[in-house]
PDB file of N, CA and C in Angstrom:
ATOM      1  N   MET A   1       0.842  -1.185   0.000  1.00  0.00           N
ATOM      2  CA  MET A   1       0.000   0.000   0.000  1.00  0.00           C
ATOM      3  C   MET A   1       0.882   1.242   0.000  1.00  0.00           C
ATOM      4  N   SER A   2       0.388   2.261  -0.619  1.00  0.00           N
ATOM      5  CA  SER A   2       1.106   3.524  -0.673  1.00  0.00           C
ATOM      6  C   SER A   2       0.935   4.262   0.651  1.00  0.00           C
ATOM      7  N   GLU A   3       2.025   4.774   1.173  1.00  0.00           N
ATOM      8  CA  GLU A   3       1.952   5.564   2.404  1.00  0.00           C
ATOM      9  C   GLU A   3       1.683   7.032   2.093  1.00  0.00           C
ATOM     10  N   GLU A   4       1.829   7.430   0.827  1.00  0.00           N
ATOM     11  CA  GLU A   4       1.594   8.809   0.426  1.00  0.00           C
ATOM     12  C   GLU A   4       0.114   9.015   0.107  1.00  0.00           C
ATOM     13  N   PRO A   5      -0.532  10.004   0.737  1.00  0.00           N
ATOM     14  CA  PRO A   5      -1.941  10.272   0.414  1.00  0.00           C
ATOM     15  C   PRO A   5      -2.073  10.842  -0.990  1.00  0.00           C
ATOM     16  N   SER A   6      -3.169  10.554  -1.636  1.00  0.00           N
ATOM     17  CA  SER A   6      -3.487  11.127  -2.941  1.00  0.00           C
ATOM     18  C   SER A   6      -4.417  12.312  -2.724  1.00  0.00           C
ATOM     19  N   PRO A   7      -4.207  13.403  -3.463  1.00  0.00           N
ATOM     20  CA  PRO A   7      -5.091  14.554  -3.279  1.00  0.00           C
ATOM     21  C   PRO A   7      -6.526  14.237  -3.661  1.00  0.00           C
ATOM     22  N   GLY A   8      -7.466  14.738  -2.890  1.00  0.00           N
ATOM     23  CA  GLY A   8      -8.897  14.590  -3.164  1.00  0.00           C
ATOM     24  C   GLY A   8      -9.511  15.977  -3.253  1.00  0.00           C
ATOM     25  N   PRO A   9     -10.829  16.061  -3.135  1.00  0.00           N
ATOM     26  CA  PRO A   9     -11.468  17.385  -3.123  1.00  0.00           C
ATOM     27  C   PRO A   9     -10.870  18.257  -2.014  1.00  0.00           C
ATOM     28  N   LEU A  10     -11.006  19.530  -2.156  1.00  0.00           N
ATOM     29  CA  LEU A  10     -10.415  20.497  -1.239  1.00  0.00           C
ATOM     30  C   LEU A  10     -10.552  20.074   0.225  1.00  0.00           C
ATOM     31  N   GLY A  11      -9.410  19.981   0.910  1.00  0.00           N
ATOM     32  CA  GLY A  11      -9.404  19.653   2.330  1.00  0.00           C
ATOM     33  C   GLY A  11      -9.471  18.167   2.637  1.00  0.00           C
ATOM     34  N   THR A  12      -9.368  17.315   1.595  1.00  0.00           N
ATOM     35  CA  THR A  12      -9.435  15.870   1.819  1.00  0.00           C
ATOM     36  C   THR A  12      -8.266  15.174   1.127  1.00  0.00           C
ATOM     37  N   GLU A  13      -8.053  13.921   1.508  1.00  0.00           N
ATOM     38  CA  GLU A  13      -7.052  13.065   0.882  1.00  0.00           C
ATOM     39  C   GLU A  13      -7.646  11.671   0.708  1.00  0.00           C
ATOM     40  N   MET A  14      -7.249  10.999  -0.351  1.00  0.00           N
ATOM     41  CA  MET A  14      -7.640   9.599  -0.533  1.00  0.00           C
ATOM     42  C   MET A  14      -6.541   8.742   0.071  1.00  0.00           C
ATOM     43  N   ARG A  15      -6.934   7.764   0.872  1.00  0.00           N
ATOM     44  CA  ARG A  15      -5.975   6.864   1.495  1.00  0.00           C
ATOM     45  C   ARG A  15      -6.292   5.430   1.109  1.00  0.00           C
ATOM     46  N   GLU A  16      -5.255   4.691   0.762  1.00  0.00           N
ATOM     47  CA  GLU A  16      -5.403   3.260   0.530  1.00  0.00           C
ATOM     48  C   GLU A  16      -5.366   2.592   1.901  1.00  0.00           C
ATOM     49  N   VAL A  17      -6.342   1.728   2.160  1.00  0.00           N
ATOM     50  CA  VAL A  17      -6.460   1.087   3.467  1.00  0.00           C
ATOM     51  C   VAL A  17      -6.704  -0.408   3.302  1.00  0.00           C
ATOM     52  N   ALA A  18      -6.412  -1.138   4.363  1.00  0.00           N
ATOM     53  CA  ALA A  18      -6.717  -2.573   4.423  1.00  0.00           C
ATOM     54  C   ALA A  18      -7.913  -2.748   5.340  1.00  0.00           C
ATOM     55  N   PHE A  19      -8.905  -3.507   4.875  1.00  0.00           N
ATOM     56  CA  PHE A  19     -10.087  -3.786   5.682  1.00  0.00           C
ATOM     57  C   PHE A  19      -9.853  -5.060   6.495  1.00  0.00           C
ATOM     58  N   PRO A  20     -10.606  -5.264   7.574  1.00  0.00           N
ATOM     59  CA  PRO A  20     -10.399  -6.424   8.440  1.00  0.00           C
ATOM     60  C   PRO A  20     -10.465  -7.781   7.732  1.00  0.00           C
ATOM     61  N   ASP A  21     -11.172  -7.866   6.602  1.00  0.00           N
ATOM     62  CA  ASP A  21     -11.252  -9.144   5.887  1.00  0.00           C
ATOM     63  C   ASP A  21     -10.068  -9.374   4.957  1.00  0.00           C
ATOM     64  N   GLY A  22      -9.105  -8.437   4.964  1.00  0.00           N
ATOM     65  CA  GLY A  22      -7.906  -8.575   4.141  1.00  0.00           C
ATOM     66  C   GLY A  22      -7.993  -7.879   2.798  1.00  0.00           C
ATOM     67  N   SER A  23      -9.170  -7.395   2.432  1.00  0.00           N
ATOM     68  CA  SER A  23      -9.303  -6.672   1.171  1.00  0.00           C
ATOM     69  C   SER A  23      -8.733  -5.262   1.337  1.00  0.00           C
ATOM     70  N   HIS A  24      -8.486  -4.621   0.210  1.00  0.00           N
ATOM     71  CA  HIS A  24      -7.953  -3.264   0.210  1.00  0.00           C
ATOM     72  C   HIS A  24      -8.896  -2.348  -0.542  1.00  0.00           C
ATOM     73  N   GLY A  25      -8.857  -1.088  -0.208  1.00  0.00           N
ATOM     74  CA  GLY A  25      -9.688  -0.109  -0.889  1.00  0.00           C
ATOM     75  C   GLY A  25      -9.195   1.287  -0.594  1.00  0.00           C
ATOM     76  N   PHE A  26      -9.949   2.266  -1.034  1.00  0.00           N
ATOM     77  CA  PHE A  26      -9.617   3.670  -0.821  1.00  0.00           C
ATOM     78  C   PHE A  26     -10.752   4.342  -0.070  1.00  0.00           C
ATOM     79  N   ILE A  27     -10.392   5.213   0.854  1.00  0.00           N
ATOM     80  CA  ILE A  27     -11.383   6.027   1.551  1.00  0.00           C
ATOM     81  C   ILE A  27     -10.937   7.474   1.481  1.00  0.00           C
ATOM     82  N   LEU A  28     -11.881   8.372   1.573  1.00  0.00           N
ATOM     83  CA  LEU A  28     -11.621   9.806   1.572  1.00  0.00           C
ATOM     84  C   LEU A  28     -11.630  10.276   3.020  1.00  0.00           C
ATOM     85  N   VAL A  29     -10.534  10.904   3.441  1.00  0.00           N
ATOM     86  CA  VAL A  29     -10.418  11.387   4.820  1.00  0.00           C
ATOM     87  C   VAL A  29     -10.023  12.863   4.814  1.00  0.00           C
ATOM     88  N   LYS A  30     -10.191  13.502   5.935  1.00  0.00           N
ATOM     89  CA  LYS A  30      -9.790  14.896   6.088  1.00  0.00           C
ATOM     90  C   LYS A  30      -8.270  15.000   5.883  1.00  0.00           C
ATOM     91  N   ALA A  31      -7.836  16.028   5.166  1.00  0.00           N
ATOM     92  CA  ALA A  31      -6.403  16.239   4.932  1.00  0.00           C
ATOM     93  C   ALA A  31      -5.651  16.270   6.261  1.00  0.00           C
ATOM     94  N   GLY A  32      -4.520  15.600   6.310  1.00  0.00           N
ATOM     95  CA  GLY A  32      -3.710  15.556   7.521  1.00  0.00           C
ATOM     96  C   GLY A  32      -4.000  14.366   8.419  1.00  0.00           C
ATOM     97  N   THR A  33      -5.024  13.574   8.085  1.00  0.00           N
ATOM     98  CA  THR A  33      -5.342  12.377   8.866  1.00  0.00           C
ATOM     99  C   THR A  33      -4.200  11.378   8.713  1.00  0.00           C
ATOM    100  N   SER A  34      -3.745  10.818   9.818  1.00  0.00           N
ATOM    101  CA  SER A  34      -2.645   9.851   9.754  1.00  0.00           C
ATOM    102  C   SER A  34      -3.109   8.554   9.098  1.00  0.00           C
ATOM    103  N   GLN A  35      -2.157   7.780   8.594  1.00  0.00           N
ATOM    104  CA  GLN A  35      -2.488   6.491   7.996  1.00  0.00           C
ATOM    105  C   GLN A  35      -3.104   5.571   9.041  1.00  0.00           C
ATOM    106  N   GLU A  36      -2.602   5.627  10.256  1.00  0.00           N
ATOM    107  CA  GLU A  36      -3.146   4.799  11.341  1.00  0.00           C
ATOM    108  C   GLU A  36      -4.622   5.124  11.596  1.00  0.00           C
ATOM    109  N   GLU A  37      -4.951   6.416  11.638  1.00  0.00           N
ATOM    110  CA  GLU A  37      -6.347   6.827  11.848  1.00  0.00           C
ATOM    111  C   GLU A  37      -7.208   6.418  10.659  1.00  0.00           C
ATOM    112  N   ALA A  38      -6.665   6.543   9.435  1.00  0.00           N
ATOM    113  CA  ALA A  38      -7.406   6.125   8.245  1.00  0.00           C
ATOM    114  C   ALA A  38      -7.726   4.633   8.313  1.00  0.00           C
ATOM    115  N   GLU A  39      -6.791   3.814   8.789  1.00  0.00           N
ATOM    116  CA  GLU A  39      -7.024   2.377   8.932  1.00  0.00           C
ATOM    117  C   GLU A  39      -8.124   2.110   9.970  1.00  0.00           C
ATOM    118  N   LEU A  40      -8.130   2.873  11.060  1.00  0.00           N
ATOM    119  CA  LEU A  40      -9.174   2.718  12.084  1.00  0.00           C
ATOM    120  C   LEU A  40     -10.546   3.113  11.536  1.00  0.00           C
ATOM    121  N   ILE A  41     -10.590   4.191  10.767  1.00  0.00           N
ATOM    122  CA  ILE A  41     -11.849   4.619  10.144  1.00  0.00           C
ATOM    123  C   ILE A  41     -12.346   3.528   9.209  1.00  0.00           C
ATOM    124  N   ALA A  42     -11.448   2.963   8.407  1.00  0.00           N
ATOM    125  CA  ALA A  42     -11.822   1.895   7.473  1.00  0.00           C
ATOM    126  C   ALA A  42     -12.387   0.690   8.222  1.00  0.00           C
ATOM    127  N   ALA A  43     -11.781   0.331   9.352  1.00  0.00           N
ATOM    128  CA  ALA A  43     -12.269  -0.802  10.141  1.00  0.00           C
ATOM    129  C   ALA A  43     -13.673  -0.534  10.675  1.00  0.00           C
ATOM    130  N   ARG A  44     -13.926   0.707  11.120  1.00  0.00           N
ATOM    131  CA  ARG A  44     -15.268   1.053  11.615  1.00  0.00           C
ATOM    132  C   ARG A  44     -16.291   1.019  10.482  1.00  0.00           C
ATOM    133  N   LEU A  45     -15.919   1.549   9.321  1.00  0.00           N
ATOM    134  CA  LEU A  45     -16.826   1.510   8.170  1.00  0.00           C
ATOM    135  C   LEU A  45     -17.143   0.076   7.783  1.00  0.00           C
ATOM    136  N   TRP A  46     -16.127  -0.767   7.737  1.00  0.00           N
ATOM    137  CA  TRP A  46     -16.297  -2.166   7.362  1.00  0.00           C
ATOM    138  C   TRP A  46     -17.230  -2.875   8.352  1.00  0.00           C
ATOM    139  N   ALA A  47     -17.062  -2.593   9.640  1.00  0.00           N
ATOM    140  CA  ALA A  47     -17.890  -3.224  10.671  1.00  0.00           C
ATOM    141  C   ALA A  47     -19.355  -2.812  10.552  1.00  0.00           C
ATOM    142  N   ASP A  48     -19.615  -1.626  10.014  1.00  0.00           N
ATOM    143  CA  ASP A  48     -20.986  -1.125   9.883  1.00  0.00           C
ATOM    144  C   ASP A  48     -21.689  -1.581   8.617  1.00  0.00           C
ATOM    145  N   LEU A  49     -20.981  -2.268   7.717  1.00  0.00           N
ATOM    146  CA  LEU A  49     -21.610  -2.741   6.485  1.00  0.00           C
ATOM    147  C   LEU A  49     -22.575  -3.883   6.791  1.00  0.00           C
ATOM    148  N   PRO A  50     -23.718  -3.928   6.098  1.00  0.00           N
ATOM    149  CA  PRO A  50     -24.664  -5.034   6.333  1.00  0.00           C
ATOM    150  C   PRO A  50     -24.087  -6.345   5.781  1.00  0.00           C
ATOM    151  N   GLU A  51     -24.506  -7.441   6.370  1.00  0.00           N
ATOM    152  CA  GLU A  51     -24.103  -8.766   5.875  1.00  0.00           C
ATOM    153  C   GLU A  51     -24.718  -9.000   4.500  1.00  0.00           C
ATOM    154  N   PRO A  52     -23.955  -9.588   3.574  1.00  0.00           N
ATOM    155  CA  PRO A  52     -24.534  -9.882   2.256  1.00  0.00           C
ATOM    156  C   PRO A  52     -25.742 -10.814   2.388  1.00  0.00           C
ATOM    157  N   GLY A  53     -26.813 -10.491   1.701  1.00  0.00           N
ATOM    158  CA  GLY A  53     -28.008 -11.322   1.706  1.00  0.00           C
ATOM    159  C   GLY A  53     -28.930 -11.105   2.885  1.00  0.00           C
ATOM    160  N   VAL A  54     -28.552 -10.221   3.808  1.00  0.00           N
ATOM    161  CA  VAL A  54     -29.400  -9.933   4.977  1.00  0.00           C
ATOM    162  C   VAL A  54     -30.076  -8.591   4.747  1.00  0.00           C
ATOM    163  N   PRO A  55     -31.406  -8.535   4.780  1.00  0.00           N
ATOM    164  CA  PRO A  55     -32.106  -7.265   4.545  1.00  0.00           C
ATOM    165  C   PRO A  55     -31.718  -6.220   5.588  1.00  0.00           C
ATOM    166  N   ASN A  56     -31.628  -4.978   5.160  1.00  0.00           N
ATOM    167  CA  ASN A  56     -31.341  -3.870   6.092  1.00  0.00           C
ATOM    168  C   ASN A  56     -32.602  -3.539   6.877  1.00  0.00           C
ATOM    169  N   GLU A  57     -32.416  -3.044   8.059  1.00  0.00           N
ATOM    170  CA  GLU A  57     -33.558  -2.641   8.900  1.00  0.00           C
ATOM    171  C   GLU A  57     -34.062  -1.297   8.501  1.00  0.00           C
TER     172      GLU A  57
END
């Protein structure tokens, strides 16, 4: 994974992150957010995703 953030819309950066299931993706975070914090945000987002095939409430 790249440790260098990619520029996003004004005041944001795109960060490559690893999700708890081992997959990788990109998230948009506030400019200046550390890679460690971006990984924590990604883990929280991943945990909040609905299970595949389970209807949302």
